[in-house]
Amino acid sequence: MPANPRFRRVVRIGPVQVATYYDARGREKHAAACTAPRCGFSTDYDSRAAAGLAARTHRCATR
């Protein structure tokens, strides 16, 4: 059964949202996802700092 992650500590940095969640194995993960239309950028990281850096340096090709 797929896990339904509950996101917490959601922060918006420009068009990118960074959030913390627990994966299916109970490990804490951090996600960065762009909310711009037709962008499609989203990744998971092991550290909050890495997700924040990805959010700050992300540039959408749709701009």
C-alpha atoms as a PDB file:
ATOM      1  CA  MET A   1       0.000   0.000   0.000  1.00  0.00           C
ATOM      2  CA  PRO A   2       1.521   3.372  -0.946  1.00  0.00           C
ATOM      3  CA  ALA A   3       2.187   5.817   1.842  1.00  0.00           C
ATOM      4  CA  ASN A   4       0.248   9.057   1.986  1.00  0.00           C
ATOM      5  CA  PRO A   5       2.824  11.554   3.262  1.00  0.00           C
ATOM      6  CA  ARG A   6       1.741  14.273   5.652  1.00  0.00           C
ATOM      7  CA  PHE A   7       3.778  17.329   4.911  1.00  0.00           C
ATOM      8  CA  ARG A   8       4.849  19.584   7.749  1.00  0.00           C
ATOM      9  CA  ARG A   9       7.037  22.660   8.039  1.00  0.00           C
ATOM     10  CA  VAL A  10       5.945  23.814   4.588  1.00  0.00           C
ATOM     11  CA  VAL A  11       7.833  26.910   3.420  1.00  0.00           C
ATOM     12  CA  ARG A  12       7.513  28.750   0.136  1.00  0.00           C
ATOM     13  CA  ILE A  13      10.691  30.107  -1.492  1.00  0.00           C
ATOM     14  CA  GLY A  14       9.654  31.888  -4.670  1.00  0.00           C
ATOM     15  CA  PRO A  15       7.566  29.443  -6.721  1.00  0.00           C
ATOM     16  CA  VAL A  16       9.062  26.416  -4.896  1.00  0.00           C
ATOM     17  CA  GLN A  17       7.582  24.832  -1.788  1.00  0.00           C
ATOM     18  CA  VAL A  18       9.844  22.972   0.645  1.00  0.00           C
ATOM     19  CA  ALA A  19       8.288  20.508   3.104  1.00  0.00           C
ATOM     20  CA  THR A  20       9.307  17.787   5.545  1.00  0.00           C
ATOM     21  CA  TYR A  21       7.649  14.353   5.686  1.00  0.00           C
ATOM     22  CA  TYR A  22       8.269  10.740   6.711  1.00  0.00           C
ATOM     23  CA  ASP A  23       8.680   8.194   3.911  1.00  0.00           C
ATOM     24  CA  ALA A  24       7.222   4.668   3.899  1.00  0.00           C
ATOM     25  CA  ARG A  25      10.134   3.361   5.989  1.00  0.00           C
ATOM     26  CA  GLY A  26       9.749   6.038   8.663  1.00  0.00           C
ATOM     27  CA  ARG A  27      12.748   8.105   7.621  1.00  0.00           C
ATOM     28  CA  GLU A  28      12.507  11.875   7.638  1.00  0.00           C
ATOM     29  CA  LYS A  29      12.714  13.294   4.102  1.00  0.00           C
ATOM     30  CA  HIS A  30      12.497  16.768   2.637  1.00  0.00           C
ATOM     31  CA  ALA A  31      10.821  17.646  -0.640  1.00  0.00           C
ATOM     32  CA  ALA A  32      11.201  20.659  -2.933  1.00  0.00           C
ATOM     33  CA  ALA A  33       8.505  21.126  -5.582  1.00  0.00           C
ATOM     34  CA  CYS A  34       7.867  23.989  -7.980  1.00  0.00           C
ATOM     35  CA  THR A  35       4.275  25.210  -8.166  1.00  0.00           C
ATOM     36  CA  ALA A  36       4.627  27.072 -11.461  1.00  0.00           C
ATOM     37  CA  PRO A  37       2.444  25.802 -14.315  1.00  0.00           C
ATOM     38  CA  ARG A  38       4.169  23.301 -16.653  1.00  0.00           C
ATOM     39  CA  CYS A  39       7.407  23.303 -14.648  1.00  0.00           C
ATOM     40  CA  GLY A  40       7.444  19.754 -13.240  1.00  0.00           C
ATOM     41  CA  PHE A  41      10.389  20.256 -10.839  1.00  0.00           C
ATOM     42  CA  SER A  42      10.204  18.144  -7.680  1.00  0.00           C
ATOM     43  CA  THR A  43      12.871  16.222  -5.789  1.00  0.00           C
ATOM     44  CA  ASP A  44      13.410  14.555  -2.414  1.00  0.00           C
ATOM     45  CA  TYR A  45      16.405  15.199  -0.190  1.00  0.00           C
ATOM     46  CA  ASP A  46      17.802  13.763   3.030  1.00  0.00           C
ATOM     47  CA  SER A  47      18.515  17.185   4.558  1.00  0.00           C
ATOM     48  CA  ARG A  48      16.425  20.328   4.881  1.00  0.00           C
ATOM     49  CA  ALA A  49      19.408  22.461   3.873  1.00  0.00           C
ATOM     50  CA  ALA A  50      19.747  20.641   0.543  1.00  0.00           C
ATOM     51  CA  ALA A  51      16.047  21.102  -0.211  1.00  0.00           C
ATOM     52  CA  GLY A  52      16.282  24.794   0.665  1.00  0.00           C
ATOM     53  CA  LEU A  53      19.313  25.241  -1.572  1.00  0.00           C
ATOM     54  CA  ALA A  54      17.513  23.554  -4.457  1.00  0.00           C
ATOM     55  CA  ALA A  55      14.545  25.876  -3.933  1.00  0.00           C
ATOM     56  CA  ARG A  56      16.702  29.009  -3.891  1.00  0.00           C
ATOM     57  CA  THR A  57      18.667  28.086  -6.999  1.00  0.00           C
ATOM     58  CA  HIS A  58      15.762  26.675  -9.066  1.00  0.00           C
ATOM     59  CA  ARG A  59      14.990  28.532 -12.294  1.00  0.00           C
ATOM     60  CA  CYS A  60      11.879  27.605 -14.242  1.00  0.00           C
ATOM     61  CA  ALA A  61      12.145  27.222 -17.985  1.00  0.00           C
ATOM     62  CA  THR A  62       8.531  28.435 -18.275  1.00  0.00           C
ATOM     63  CA  ARG A  63       9.262  32.021 -17.172  1.00  0.00           C
END
